[in-house]
Amino acid sequence: MGLRIGDTAPNFEIDTTEGKINFHDWAKGSWVFFFSHPADYTPVCTTEMGRTAQLAEQFAARNVKPLGLSTDSVEEHNGWINDVNETQNTQVKFPIVADKDKKVAELYDMIHPGESETAAVRSVFIIDPNQKIRLTMTYPMSVGRNFAEILRVIDALQTGDKHGIACPADWELGGDVIIPPSVSMEEAEKKFPQGFKTVKPYLRYTSVK
């Protein structure tokens, strides 16, 4: 059975490019963008690692810690990071898990035999400060991730947690949000004094800051 939204992210202890970590201790109090890639010294992965590093300030502003993974060693990671920094004009400062024995990849169901028996696919887990899995996405090996979408969904999750709302299709930070149907009209009037627009009894839009 694979991991599902709402599950507690499994803990693990493992070597990384920033030393050995206990995942739950390392992540405590933060959101986590945990993502796997097939292998070091590969082209798509190089661009993804570089993009994650370039977005360091964006992740930090959202209280998000990036954590990469592949089934290579710390030594291989460290050598490859030099290439990432050079070719992507950045500095990788987040840890990359060295999962040589595929322990974590199997724990998080990152090995999809139809793609590869040994390399992890491009899995994404967004994990909240309570260490609950809030989002999962899986990309094939040949397609790089959309980092604008990763930041967008983090914004949506954090906005929803803060205000008790849902986010419509293609929502972006600052856009109108949806009042869940579970909130009665009376409750909505108290909870959203800024007002709201009722399109249907189950479809009500409001704005939040």
N, C-alpha and C. Protein backbone atom coordinates (compact mmCIF):
# COMPACT_ATOMS: atom_id res chain seq x y z
N MET A 1 0.85 -1.19 0.00
CA MET A 1 0.00 0.00 0.00
C MET A 1 0.88 1.24 0.00
N GLY A 2 0.68 2.12 -0.98
CA GLY A 2 1.47 3.34 -1.05
C GLY A 2 1.05 4.36 0.00
N LEU A 3 1.86 5.36 0.16
CA LEU A 3 1.55 6.44 1.10
C LEU A 3 0.43 7.30 0.54
N ARG A 4 -0.42 7.78 1.45
CA ARG A 4 -1.58 8.56 1.03
C ARG A 4 -1.58 9.92 1.73
N ILE A 5 -2.32 10.85 1.14
CA ILE A 5 -2.51 12.15 1.77
C ILE A 5 -3.14 11.95 3.14
N GLY A 6 -2.59 12.62 4.14
CA GLY A 6 -3.06 12.47 5.51
C GLY A 6 -2.25 11.50 6.33
N ASP A 7 -1.44 10.64 5.68
CA ASP A 7 -0.57 9.73 6.42
C ASP A 7 0.57 10.51 7.05
N THR A 8 1.09 10.00 8.16
CA THR A 8 2.32 10.54 8.72
C THR A 8 3.48 10.11 7.83
N ALA A 9 4.31 11.07 7.46
CA ALA A 9 5.48 10.74 6.63
C ALA A 9 6.40 9.81 7.40
N PRO A 10 6.75 8.65 6.85
CA PRO A 10 7.60 7.71 7.59
C PRO A 10 8.95 8.33 7.95
N ASN A 11 9.42 8.00 9.14
CA ASN A 11 10.72 8.50 9.58
C ASN A 11 11.84 7.61 9.06
N PHE A 12 13.03 8.17 8.99
CA PHE A 12 14.22 7.40 8.59
C PHE A 12 15.46 8.14 9.06
N GLU A 13 16.53 7.40 9.24
CA GLU A 13 17.86 7.97 9.52
C GLU A 13 18.76 7.58 8.37
N ILE A 14 19.50 8.57 7.83
CA ILE A 14 20.30 8.28 6.64
C ILE A 14 21.34 9.35 6.43
N ASP A 15 22.40 8.99 5.70
CA ASP A 15 23.44 9.96 5.35
C ASP A 15 22.94 10.87 4.23
N THR A 16 23.35 12.14 4.32
CA THR A 16 23.04 13.11 3.28
C THR A 16 24.29 13.94 3.01
N THR A 17 24.20 14.83 2.06
CA THR A 17 25.32 15.73 1.76
C THR A 17 25.56 16.74 2.89
N GLU A 18 24.63 16.84 3.83
CA GLU A 18 24.78 17.72 4.99
C GLU A 18 24.96 16.92 6.28
N GLY A 19 25.39 15.66 6.16
CA GLY A 19 25.58 14.79 7.32
C GLY A 19 24.38 13.90 7.55
N LYS A 20 24.49 13.04 8.56
CA LYS A 20 23.40 12.11 8.86
C LYS A 20 22.22 12.87 9.45
N ILE A 21 21.00 12.51 9.03
CA ILE A 21 19.80 13.15 9.59
C ILE A 21 18.82 12.10 10.07
N ASN A 22 18.08 12.45 11.10
CA ASN A 22 16.84 11.77 11.46
C ASN A 22 15.74 12.64 10.85
N PHE A 23 15.01 12.10 9.91
CA PHE A 23 14.10 12.94 9.11
C PHE A 23 13.12 13.73 9.97
N HIS A 24 12.46 13.09 10.91
CA HIS A 24 11.47 13.80 11.73
C HIS A 24 12.12 14.90 12.55
N ASP A 25 13.30 14.64 13.10
CA ASP A 25 13.99 15.68 13.88
C ASP A 25 14.43 16.83 12.97
N TRP A 26 14.95 16.49 11.81
CA TRP A 26 15.42 17.51 10.87
C TRP A 26 14.27 18.39 10.37
N ALA A 27 13.11 17.77 10.16
CA ALA A 27 11.96 18.48 9.58
C ALA A 27 11.13 19.22 10.62
N LYS A 28 11.34 18.97 11.87
CA LYS A 28 10.45 19.45 12.93
C LYS A 28 10.19 20.96 12.82
N GLY A 29 8.90 21.32 12.83
CA GLY A 29 8.52 22.73 12.82
C GLY A 29 8.48 23.37 11.44
N SER A 30 8.82 22.62 10.40
CA SER A 30 8.86 23.16 9.04
C SER A 30 8.00 22.34 8.09
N TRP A 31 7.63 22.95 6.98
CA TRP A 31 7.12 22.20 5.84
C TRP A 31 8.33 21.60 5.12
N VAL A 32 8.09 20.53 4.38
CA VAL A 32 9.17 19.87 3.64
C VAL A 32 8.73 19.61 2.20
N PHE A 33 9.61 19.96 1.27
CA PHE A 33 9.47 19.57 -0.13
C PHE A 33 10.47 18.44 -0.35
N PHE A 34 9.99 17.19 -0.28
CA PHE A 34 10.83 16.00 -0.38
C PHE A 34 10.66 15.44 -1.79
N PHE A 35 11.75 15.37 -2.52
CA PHE A 35 11.64 14.99 -3.93
C PHE A 35 12.79 14.07 -4.33
N SER A 36 12.46 13.09 -5.16
CA SER A 36 13.46 12.13 -5.63
C SER A 36 13.79 12.37 -7.09
N HIS A 37 14.96 11.90 -7.48
CA HIS A 37 15.32 11.94 -8.89
C HIS A 37 16.06 10.66 -9.25
N PRO A 38 16.09 10.29 -10.52
CA PRO A 38 16.62 8.98 -10.92
C PRO A 38 18.10 8.76 -10.64
N ALA A 39 18.94 9.77 -10.92
CA ALA A 39 20.37 9.53 -10.77
C ALA A 39 21.16 10.84 -10.85
N ASP A 40 22.33 10.85 -10.24
CA ASP A 40 23.24 11.97 -10.37
C ASP A 40 23.82 12.00 -11.79
N TYR A 41 24.38 13.15 -12.15
CA TYR A 41 25.02 13.33 -13.45
C TYR A 41 24.09 13.00 -14.60
N THR A 42 22.82 13.40 -14.45
CA THR A 42 21.85 13.24 -15.54
C THR A 42 21.26 14.61 -15.85
N PRO A 43 20.84 14.84 -17.09
CA PRO A 43 20.52 16.22 -17.51
C PRO A 43 19.28 16.82 -16.87
N VAL A 44 18.16 16.10 -16.87
CA VAL A 44 16.93 16.68 -16.31
C VAL A 44 17.09 16.92 -14.82
N CYS A 45 17.70 15.97 -14.14
CA CYS A 45 17.91 16.10 -12.68
C CYS A 45 18.80 17.30 -12.36
N THR A 46 19.77 17.55 -13.21
CA THR A 46 20.67 18.69 -12.99
C THR A 46 19.88 20.00 -13.00
N THR A 47 18.94 20.11 -13.96
CA THR A 47 18.14 21.34 -14.01
C THR A 47 17.21 21.44 -12.81
N GLU A 48 16.69 20.32 -12.34
CA GLU A 48 15.77 20.34 -11.20
C GLU A 48 16.49 20.70 -9.90
N MET A 49 17.64 20.11 -9.69
CA MET A 49 18.42 20.45 -8.49
C MET A 49 18.80 21.93 -8.52
N GLY A 50 19.19 22.41 -9.71
CA GLY A 50 19.54 23.81 -9.84
C GLY A 50 18.37 24.72 -9.57
N ARG A 51 17.21 24.36 -10.08
CA ARG A 51 16.02 25.20 -9.88
C ARG A 51 15.64 25.24 -8.40
N THR A 52 15.74 24.12 -7.72
CA THR A 52 15.45 24.10 -6.28
C THR A 52 16.38 25.04 -5.54
N ALA A 53 17.65 25.01 -5.89
CA ALA A 53 18.63 25.91 -5.25
C ALA A 53 18.34 27.37 -5.57
N GLN A 54 17.97 27.65 -6.82
CA GLN A 54 17.66 29.03 -7.21
C GLN A 54 16.46 29.59 -6.44
N LEU A 55 15.57 28.70 -6.03
CA LEU A 55 14.35 29.12 -5.32
C LEU A 55 14.50 29.07 -3.80
N ALA A 56 15.73 29.02 -3.32
CA ALA A 56 15.96 28.88 -1.87
C ALA A 56 15.22 29.94 -1.06
N GLU A 57 15.26 31.18 -1.50
CA GLU A 57 14.59 32.25 -0.75
C GLU A 57 13.08 32.08 -0.77
N GLN A 58 12.54 31.62 -1.89
CA GLN A 58 11.10 31.39 -2.00
C GLN A 58 10.66 30.29 -1.04
N PHE A 59 11.42 29.22 -0.98
CA PHE A 59 11.09 28.14 -0.05
C PHE A 59 11.22 28.62 1.40
N ALA A 60 12.29 29.32 1.70
CA ALA A 60 12.51 29.80 3.07
C ALA A 60 11.39 30.73 3.52
N ALA A 61 10.91 31.58 2.61
CA ALA A 61 9.83 32.51 2.95
C ALA A 61 8.55 31.78 3.31
N ARG A 62 8.41 30.57 2.85
CA ARG A 62 7.23 29.75 3.14
C ARG A 62 7.49 28.73 4.25
N ASN A 63 8.64 28.84 4.91
CA ASN A 63 9.03 27.89 5.96
C ASN A 63 9.09 26.46 5.43
N VAL A 64 9.67 26.32 4.24
CA VAL A 64 9.78 25.01 3.58
C VAL A 64 11.25 24.62 3.47
N LYS A 65 11.56 23.39 3.87
CA LYS A 65 12.90 22.83 3.70
C LYS A 65 12.90 21.86 2.52
N PRO A 66 13.69 22.10 1.48
CA PRO A 66 13.83 21.11 0.42
C PRO A 66 14.73 19.95 0.88
N LEU A 67 14.40 18.75 0.41
CA LEU A 67 15.22 17.57 0.67
C LEU A 67 15.18 16.70 -0.57
N GLY A 68 16.35 16.54 -1.22
CA GLY A 68 16.43 15.71 -2.42
C GLY A 68 16.81 14.28 -2.08
N LEU A 69 16.67 13.39 -3.05
CA LEU A 69 17.05 11.99 -2.88
C LEU A 69 17.37 11.38 -4.23
N SER A 70 18.43 10.58 -4.26
CA SER A 70 18.61 9.61 -5.34
C SER A 70 19.36 8.41 -4.77
N THR A 71 19.43 7.36 -5.58
CA THR A 71 20.05 6.13 -5.11
C THR A 71 21.54 6.12 -5.44
N ASP A 72 22.21 7.24 -5.16
CA ASP A 72 23.65 7.37 -5.32
C ASP A 72 24.28 7.70 -3.96
N SER A 73 25.61 7.72 -3.91
CA SER A 73 26.33 7.92 -2.66
C SER A 73 26.53 9.41 -2.36
N VAL A 74 26.92 9.71 -1.12
CA VAL A 74 27.25 11.09 -0.76
C VAL A 74 28.39 11.61 -1.63
N GLU A 75 29.39 10.77 -1.88
CA GLU A 75 30.52 11.20 -2.70
C GLU A 75 30.07 11.57 -4.10
N GLU A 76 29.22 10.74 -4.68
CA GLU A 76 28.70 11.05 -6.02
C GLU A 76 27.86 12.33 -5.99
N HIS A 77 27.03 12.47 -4.97
CA HIS A 77 26.23 13.70 -4.83
C HIS A 77 27.12 14.93 -4.80
N ASN A 78 28.16 14.88 -3.97
CA ASN A 78 29.03 16.05 -3.79
C ASN A 78 29.73 16.42 -5.09
N GLY A 79 30.17 15.43 -5.85
CA GLY A 79 30.80 15.72 -7.14
C GLY A 79 29.81 16.33 -8.12
N TRP A 80 28.62 15.77 -8.13
CA TRP A 80 27.58 16.25 -9.05
C TRP A 80 27.12 17.67 -8.69
N ILE A 81 27.05 17.98 -7.40
CA ILE A 81 26.65 19.33 -6.97
C ILE A 81 27.55 20.39 -7.61
N ASN A 82 28.83 20.08 -7.77
CA ASN A 82 29.73 21.03 -8.44
C ASN A 82 29.26 21.33 -9.86
N ASP A 83 28.81 20.28 -10.56
CA ASP A 83 28.28 20.47 -11.92
C ASP A 83 26.98 21.28 -11.88
N VAL A 84 26.11 20.98 -10.92
CA VAL A 84 24.85 21.71 -10.81
C VAL A 84 25.12 23.19 -10.59
N ASN A 85 26.00 23.48 -9.64
CA ASN A 85 26.33 24.88 -9.34
C ASN A 85 26.89 25.60 -10.57
N GLU A 86 27.75 24.90 -11.30
CA GLU A 86 28.40 25.51 -12.46
C GLU A 86 27.40 25.73 -13.60
N THR A 87 26.64 24.70 -13.94
CA THR A 87 25.79 24.79 -15.13
C THR A 87 24.50 25.57 -14.89
N GLN A 88 24.02 25.60 -13.63
CA GLN A 88 22.75 26.27 -13.33
C GLN A 88 22.95 27.62 -12.64
N ASN A 89 24.23 28.02 -12.50
CA ASN A 89 24.55 29.33 -11.93
C ASN A 89 23.89 29.54 -10.57
N THR A 90 24.16 28.60 -9.65
CA THR A 90 23.53 28.65 -8.34
C THR A 90 24.44 27.98 -7.32
N GLN A 91 23.96 27.85 -6.08
CA GLN A 91 24.68 27.15 -5.03
C GLN A 91 23.70 26.23 -4.31
N VAL A 92 23.89 24.93 -4.43
CA VAL A 92 23.03 23.97 -3.75
C VAL A 92 23.40 23.95 -2.27
N LYS A 93 22.43 24.30 -1.42
CA LYS A 93 22.69 24.36 0.03
C LYS A 93 21.73 23.50 0.83
N PHE A 94 20.88 22.76 0.16
CA PHE A 94 19.96 21.85 0.85
C PHE A 94 20.51 20.42 0.80
N PRO A 95 20.13 19.56 1.74
CA PRO A 95 20.68 18.20 1.75
C PRO A 95 20.09 17.30 0.67
N ILE A 96 20.90 16.38 0.21
CA ILE A 96 20.47 15.35 -0.73
C ILE A 96 20.73 13.99 -0.08
N VAL A 97 19.68 13.20 0.07
CA VAL A 97 19.78 11.88 0.70
C VAL A 97 20.57 10.93 -0.19
N ALA A 98 21.46 10.18 0.42
CA ALA A 98 22.25 9.16 -0.28
C ALA A 98 21.61 7.79 0.00
N ASP A 99 20.75 7.36 -0.89
CA ASP A 99 19.93 6.17 -0.66
C ASP A 99 20.44 4.99 -1.47
N LYS A 100 21.71 4.64 -1.26
CA LYS A 100 22.36 3.60 -2.06
C LYS A 100 21.62 2.27 -2.01
N ASP A 101 21.10 1.91 -0.82
CA ASP A 101 20.43 0.61 -0.71
C ASP A 101 18.92 0.70 -1.00
N LYS A 102 18.47 1.88 -1.42
CA LYS A 102 17.07 2.11 -1.83
C LYS A 102 16.08 1.95 -0.67
N LYS A 103 16.58 2.05 0.54
CA LYS A 103 15.72 1.87 1.72
C LYS A 103 14.61 2.92 1.77
N VAL A 104 15.00 4.18 1.60
CA VAL A 104 14.01 5.26 1.67
C VAL A 104 13.13 5.27 0.41
N ALA A 105 13.74 5.03 -0.75
CA ALA A 105 12.97 4.99 -1.99
C ALA A 105 11.87 3.93 -1.92
N GLU A 106 12.16 2.80 -1.32
CA GLU A 106 11.15 1.76 -1.18
C GLU A 106 10.14 2.13 -0.11
N LEU A 107 10.58 2.75 0.97
CA LEU A 107 9.69 3.17 2.05
C LEU A 107 8.65 4.16 1.53
N TYR A 108 9.07 5.03 0.60
CA TYR A 108 8.19 6.05 0.04
C TYR A 108 7.65 5.67 -1.35
N ASP A 109 7.84 4.41 -1.74
CA ASP A 109 7.31 3.90 -3.02
C ASP A 109 7.77 4.73 -4.20
N MET A 110 9.07 5.03 -4.23
CA MET A 110 9.64 5.84 -5.30
C MET A 110 10.20 4.99 -6.45
N ILE A 111 10.27 3.68 -6.26
CA ILE A 111 10.76 2.80 -7.32
C ILE A 111 9.55 2.25 -8.07
N HIS A 112 9.43 2.60 -9.35
CA HIS A 112 8.33 2.11 -10.19
C HIS A 112 8.94 1.20 -11.26
N PRO A 113 8.83 -0.11 -11.10
CA PRO A 113 9.54 -1.03 -11.99
C PRO A 113 9.27 -0.84 -13.47
N GLY A 114 8.08 -0.31 -13.82
CA GLY A 114 7.79 -0.05 -15.23
C GLY A 114 8.70 1.01 -15.83
N GLU A 115 9.25 1.88 -14.97
CA GLU A 115 10.22 2.90 -15.40
C GLU A 115 11.64 2.39 -15.20
N SER A 116 11.94 1.88 -14.01
CA SER A 116 13.27 1.36 -13.71
C SER A 116 13.20 0.47 -12.47
N GLU A 117 13.99 -0.58 -12.46
CA GLU A 117 14.05 -1.47 -11.29
C GLU A 117 14.94 -0.90 -10.20
N THR A 118 15.78 0.07 -10.53
CA THR A 118 16.79 0.54 -9.56
C THR A 118 16.74 2.02 -9.27
N ALA A 119 16.26 2.83 -10.21
CA ALA A 119 16.28 4.28 -10.05
C ALA A 119 14.90 4.79 -9.62
N ALA A 120 14.92 5.83 -8.80
CA ALA A 120 13.67 6.43 -8.35
C ALA A 120 13.06 7.29 -9.45
N VAL A 121 11.74 7.26 -9.55
CA VAL A 121 11.05 8.20 -10.44
C VAL A 121 11.05 9.57 -9.75
N ARG A 122 10.44 10.56 -10.42
CA ARG A 122 10.42 11.93 -9.86
C ARG A 122 9.21 12.11 -8.94
N SER A 123 9.36 11.62 -7.72
CA SER A 123 8.30 11.73 -6.73
C SER A 123 8.39 13.07 -6.00
N VAL A 124 7.22 13.59 -5.60
CA VAL A 124 7.14 14.80 -4.80
C VAL A 124 6.24 14.52 -3.60
N PHE A 125 6.72 14.88 -2.42
CA PHE A 125 5.90 14.84 -1.21
C PHE A 125 5.97 16.21 -0.56
N ILE A 126 4.82 16.84 -0.36
CA ILE A 126 4.75 18.04 0.45
C ILE A 126 4.26 17.61 1.82
N ILE A 127 5.06 17.90 2.85
CA ILE A 127 4.82 17.42 4.20
C ILE A 127 4.72 18.62 5.12
N ASP A 128 3.69 18.65 5.97
CA ASP A 128 3.46 19.82 6.81
C ASP A 128 4.23 19.74 8.14
N PRO A 129 4.19 20.79 8.96
CA PRO A 129 4.95 20.78 10.22
C PRO A 129 4.50 19.72 11.22
N ASN A 130 3.31 19.14 11.01
CA ASN A 130 2.86 18.02 11.84
C ASN A 130 3.30 16.69 11.25
N GLN A 131 4.13 16.75 10.21
CA GLN A 131 4.71 15.60 9.54
C GLN A 131 3.66 14.74 8.83
N LYS A 132 2.57 15.41 8.44
CA LYS A 132 1.53 14.76 7.64
C LYS A 132 1.77 15.02 6.16
N ILE A 133 1.58 14.02 5.34
CA ILE A 133 1.69 14.17 3.89
C ILE A 133 0.47 14.94 3.39
N ARG A 134 0.70 16.06 2.73
CA ARG A 134 -0.39 16.91 2.27
C ARG A 134 -0.58 16.85 0.76
N LEU A 135 0.45 16.45 0.04
CA LEU A 135 0.36 16.34 -1.42
C LEU A 135 1.38 15.33 -1.91
N THR A 136 0.99 14.57 -2.92
CA THR A 136 1.93 13.69 -3.62
C THR A 136 1.79 13.93 -5.12
N MET A 137 2.91 13.91 -5.82
CA MET A 137 2.91 13.98 -7.28
C MET A 137 4.03 13.07 -7.78
N THR A 138 3.82 12.46 -8.92
CA THR A 138 4.85 11.61 -9.51
C THR A 138 5.00 11.94 -10.99
N TYR A 139 6.21 12.30 -11.35
CA TYR A 139 6.53 12.59 -12.75
C TYR A 139 7.36 11.45 -13.33
N PRO A 140 7.25 11.19 -14.63
CA PRO A 140 8.12 10.21 -15.26
C PRO A 140 9.55 10.73 -15.32
N MET A 141 10.47 9.83 -15.56
CA MET A 141 11.89 10.20 -15.57
C MET A 141 12.22 11.24 -16.64
N SER A 142 11.47 11.25 -17.72
CA SER A 142 11.81 12.12 -18.85
C SER A 142 11.24 13.53 -18.74
N VAL A 143 10.45 13.81 -17.70
CA VAL A 143 9.78 15.11 -17.59
C VAL A 143 10.17 15.81 -16.29
N GLY A 144 10.76 16.99 -16.42
CA GLY A 144 11.12 17.76 -15.24
C GLY A 144 9.90 18.36 -14.56
N ARG A 145 10.02 18.58 -13.26
CA ARG A 145 8.91 19.12 -12.48
C ARG A 145 8.62 20.58 -12.80
N ASN A 146 7.37 20.99 -12.55
CA ASN A 146 6.95 22.38 -12.68
C ASN A 146 7.06 23.03 -11.31
N PHE A 147 8.09 23.83 -11.10
CA PHE A 147 8.33 24.40 -9.77
C PHE A 147 7.35 25.52 -9.43
N ALA A 148 6.79 26.17 -10.44
CA ALA A 148 5.74 27.15 -10.18
C ALA A 148 4.54 26.46 -9.54
N GLU A 149 4.22 25.26 -10.00
CA GLU A 149 3.10 24.51 -9.43
C GLU A 149 3.42 24.04 -8.01
N ILE A 150 4.65 23.65 -7.77
CA ILE A 150 5.03 23.23 -6.42
C ILE A 150 4.87 24.38 -5.44
N LEU A 151 5.33 25.56 -5.80
CA LEU A 151 5.16 26.73 -4.92
C LEU A 151 3.69 27.10 -4.80
N ARG A 152 2.94 27.00 -5.90
CA ARG A 152 1.52 27.34 -5.88
C ARG A 152 0.75 26.46 -4.91
N VAL A 153 1.02 25.16 -4.94
CA VAL A 153 0.26 24.26 -4.08
C VAL A 153 0.66 24.42 -2.61
N ILE A 154 1.91 24.77 -2.36
CA ILE A 154 2.31 25.08 -0.98
C ILE A 154 1.56 26.31 -0.50
N ASP A 155 1.48 27.35 -1.35
CA ASP A 155 0.70 28.55 -1.00
C ASP A 155 -0.76 28.19 -0.73
N ALA A 156 -1.33 27.33 -1.56
CA ALA A 156 -2.73 26.95 -1.40
C ALA A 156 -2.95 26.20 -0.10
N LEU A 157 -2.07 25.26 0.21
CA LEU A 157 -2.20 24.50 1.45
C LEU A 157 -2.07 25.41 2.67
N GLN A 158 -1.10 26.30 2.64
CA GLN A 158 -0.88 27.18 3.78
C GLN A 158 -2.02 28.19 3.93
N THR A 159 -2.54 28.68 2.82
CA THR A 159 -3.67 29.60 2.87
C THR A 159 -4.91 28.89 3.40
N GLY A 160 -5.13 27.67 2.95
CA GLY A 160 -6.27 26.89 3.43
C GLY A 160 -6.19 26.61 4.92
N ASP A 161 -5.00 26.26 5.39
CA ASP A 161 -4.82 26.00 6.82
C ASP A 161 -5.08 27.26 7.65
N LYS A 162 -4.63 28.38 7.16
CA LYS A 162 -4.74 29.64 7.90
C LYS A 162 -6.18 30.15 7.97
N HIS A 163 -6.92 30.01 6.87
CA HIS A 163 -8.23 30.66 6.78
C HIS A 163 -9.41 29.69 6.71
N GLY A 164 -9.15 28.38 6.64
CA GLY A 164 -10.24 27.42 6.55
C GLY A 164 -11.02 27.51 5.26
N ILE A 165 -10.28 27.67 4.16
CA ILE A 165 -10.92 27.81 2.84
C ILE A 165 -10.39 26.74 1.89
N ALA A 166 -10.97 26.70 0.70
CA ALA A 166 -10.48 25.85 -0.38
C ALA A 166 -10.07 26.75 -1.54
N CYS A 167 -9.27 26.21 -2.46
CA CYS A 167 -8.76 27.01 -3.58
C CYS A 167 -9.30 26.48 -4.90
N PRO A 168 -9.83 27.37 -5.75
CA PRO A 168 -10.39 26.93 -7.03
C PRO A 168 -9.32 26.54 -8.04
N ALA A 169 -9.78 26.05 -9.18
CA ALA A 169 -8.86 25.69 -10.27
C ALA A 169 -8.00 26.88 -10.66
N ASP A 170 -6.72 26.60 -10.88
CA ASP A 170 -5.75 27.60 -11.34
C ASP A 170 -5.55 28.74 -10.35
N TRP A 171 -5.94 28.54 -9.10
CA TRP A 171 -5.78 29.59 -8.09
C TRP A 171 -4.30 29.95 -7.93
N GLU A 172 -4.05 31.22 -7.72
CA GLU A 172 -2.72 31.70 -7.38
C GLU A 172 -2.83 32.66 -6.20
N LEU A 173 -1.75 32.82 -5.48
CA LEU A 173 -1.74 33.63 -4.27
C LEU A 173 -2.31 35.02 -4.56
N GLY A 174 -3.27 35.44 -3.73
CA GLY A 174 -3.94 36.72 -3.92
C GLY A 174 -5.28 36.60 -4.61
N GLY A 175 -5.55 35.46 -5.23
CA GLY A 175 -6.82 35.27 -5.92
C GLY A 175 -7.95 34.93 -4.95
N ASP A 176 -9.18 35.03 -5.44
CA ASP A 176 -10.33 34.67 -4.62
C ASP A 176 -10.30 33.19 -4.25
N VAL A 177 -10.86 32.89 -3.09
CA VAL A 177 -10.88 31.51 -2.59
C VAL A 177 -12.34 31.09 -2.38
N ILE A 178 -12.52 29.83 -2.04
CA ILE A 178 -13.86 29.24 -1.91
C ILE A 178 -14.15 28.92 -0.44
N ILE A 179 -15.35 29.26 -0.01
CA ILE A 179 -15.81 28.88 1.33
C ILE A 179 -16.35 27.46 1.24
N PRO A 180 -15.83 26.52 2.03
CA PRO A 180 -16.29 25.13 1.93
C PRO A 180 -17.78 25.00 2.22
N PRO A 181 -18.47 24.07 1.55
CA PRO A 181 -19.90 23.85 1.79
C PRO A 181 -20.23 23.48 3.23
N SER A 182 -19.25 22.94 3.96
CA SER A 182 -19.49 22.57 5.36
C SER A 182 -19.69 23.79 6.26
N VAL A 183 -19.34 24.98 5.78
CA VAL A 183 -19.53 26.21 6.54
C VAL A 183 -20.91 26.78 6.20
N SER A 184 -21.76 26.90 7.21
CA SER A 184 -23.11 27.41 6.97
C SER A 184 -23.07 28.89 6.60
N MET A 185 -24.17 29.39 6.08
CA MET A 185 -24.24 30.81 5.72
C MET A 185 -24.03 31.69 6.95
N GLU A 186 -24.61 31.28 8.08
CA GLU A 186 -24.45 32.06 9.31
C GLU A 186 -23.00 32.07 9.76
N GLU A 187 -22.37 30.90 9.69
CA GLU A 187 -20.96 30.82 10.06
C GLU A 187 -20.10 31.63 9.10
N ALA A 188 -20.43 31.57 7.82
CA ALA A 188 -19.65 32.29 6.81
C ALA A 188 -19.70 33.80 7.05
N GLU A 189 -20.86 34.29 7.43
CA GLU A 189 -21.00 35.72 7.68
C GLU A 189 -20.13 36.18 8.86
N LYS A 190 -19.99 35.32 9.85
CA LYS A 190 -19.14 35.65 11.00
C LYS A 190 -17.65 35.48 10.67
N LYS A 191 -17.35 34.41 9.95
CA LYS A 191 -15.95 34.05 9.68
C LYS A 191 -15.33 34.92 8.60
N PHE A 192 -16.17 35.42 7.68
CA PHE A 192 -15.66 36.21 6.55
C PHE A 192 -16.38 37.56 6.50
N PRO A 193 -16.09 38.44 7.49
CA PRO A 193 -16.78 39.73 7.54
C PRO A 193 -16.47 40.62 6.35
N GLN A 194 -15.43 40.30 5.60
CA GLN A 194 -15.12 41.07 4.39
C GLN A 194 -16.16 40.84 3.31
N GLY A 195 -17.04 39.84 3.52
CA GLY A 195 -18.09 39.56 2.57
C GLY A 195 -17.72 38.44 1.62
N PHE A 196 -18.72 37.93 0.93
CA PHE A 196 -18.49 36.86 -0.05
C PHE A 196 -19.58 36.89 -1.11
N LYS A 197 -19.26 36.27 -2.24
CA LYS A 197 -20.20 36.21 -3.37
C LYS A 197 -20.75 34.79 -3.46
N THR A 198 -22.08 34.67 -3.44
CA THR A 198 -22.73 33.36 -3.56
C THR A 198 -23.18 33.14 -5.00
N VAL A 199 -22.53 32.21 -5.69
CA VAL A 199 -22.90 31.84 -7.05
C VAL A 199 -23.96 30.75 -7.02
N LYS A 200 -23.73 29.77 -6.18
CA LYS A 200 -24.66 28.70 -5.84
C LYS A 200 -24.52 28.50 -4.33
N PRO A 201 -25.52 27.89 -3.68
CA PRO A 201 -25.36 27.68 -2.23
C PRO A 201 -24.07 26.96 -1.85
N TYR A 202 -23.56 26.10 -2.76
CA TYR A 202 -22.33 25.37 -2.48
C TYR A 202 -21.09 26.04 -3.09
N LEU A 203 -21.26 27.15 -3.80
CA LEU A 203 -20.14 27.82 -4.45
C LEU A 203 -20.12 29.29 -4.06
N ARG A 204 -19.27 29.59 -3.07
CA ARG A 204 -19.18 30.95 -2.52
C ARG A 204 -17.73 31.39 -2.55
N TYR A 205 -17.51 32.55 -3.14
CA TYR A 205 -16.17 33.09 -3.25
C TYR A 205 -15.95 34.24 -2.25
N THR A 206 -14.72 34.31 -1.73
CA THR A 206 -14.33 35.42 -0.89
C THR A 206 -12.85 35.69 -1.12
N SER A 207 -12.36 36.74 -0.46
CA SER A 207 -10.93 37.06 -0.54
C SER A 207 -10.33 37.01 0.86
N VAL A 208 -9.07 36.62 0.92
CA VAL A 208 -8.35 36.56 2.20
C VAL A 208 -6.97 37.15 2.01
N LYS A 209 -6.34 37.54 3.11
CA LYS A 209 -4.98 38.07 3.05
C LYS A 209 -4.04 37.18 3.85
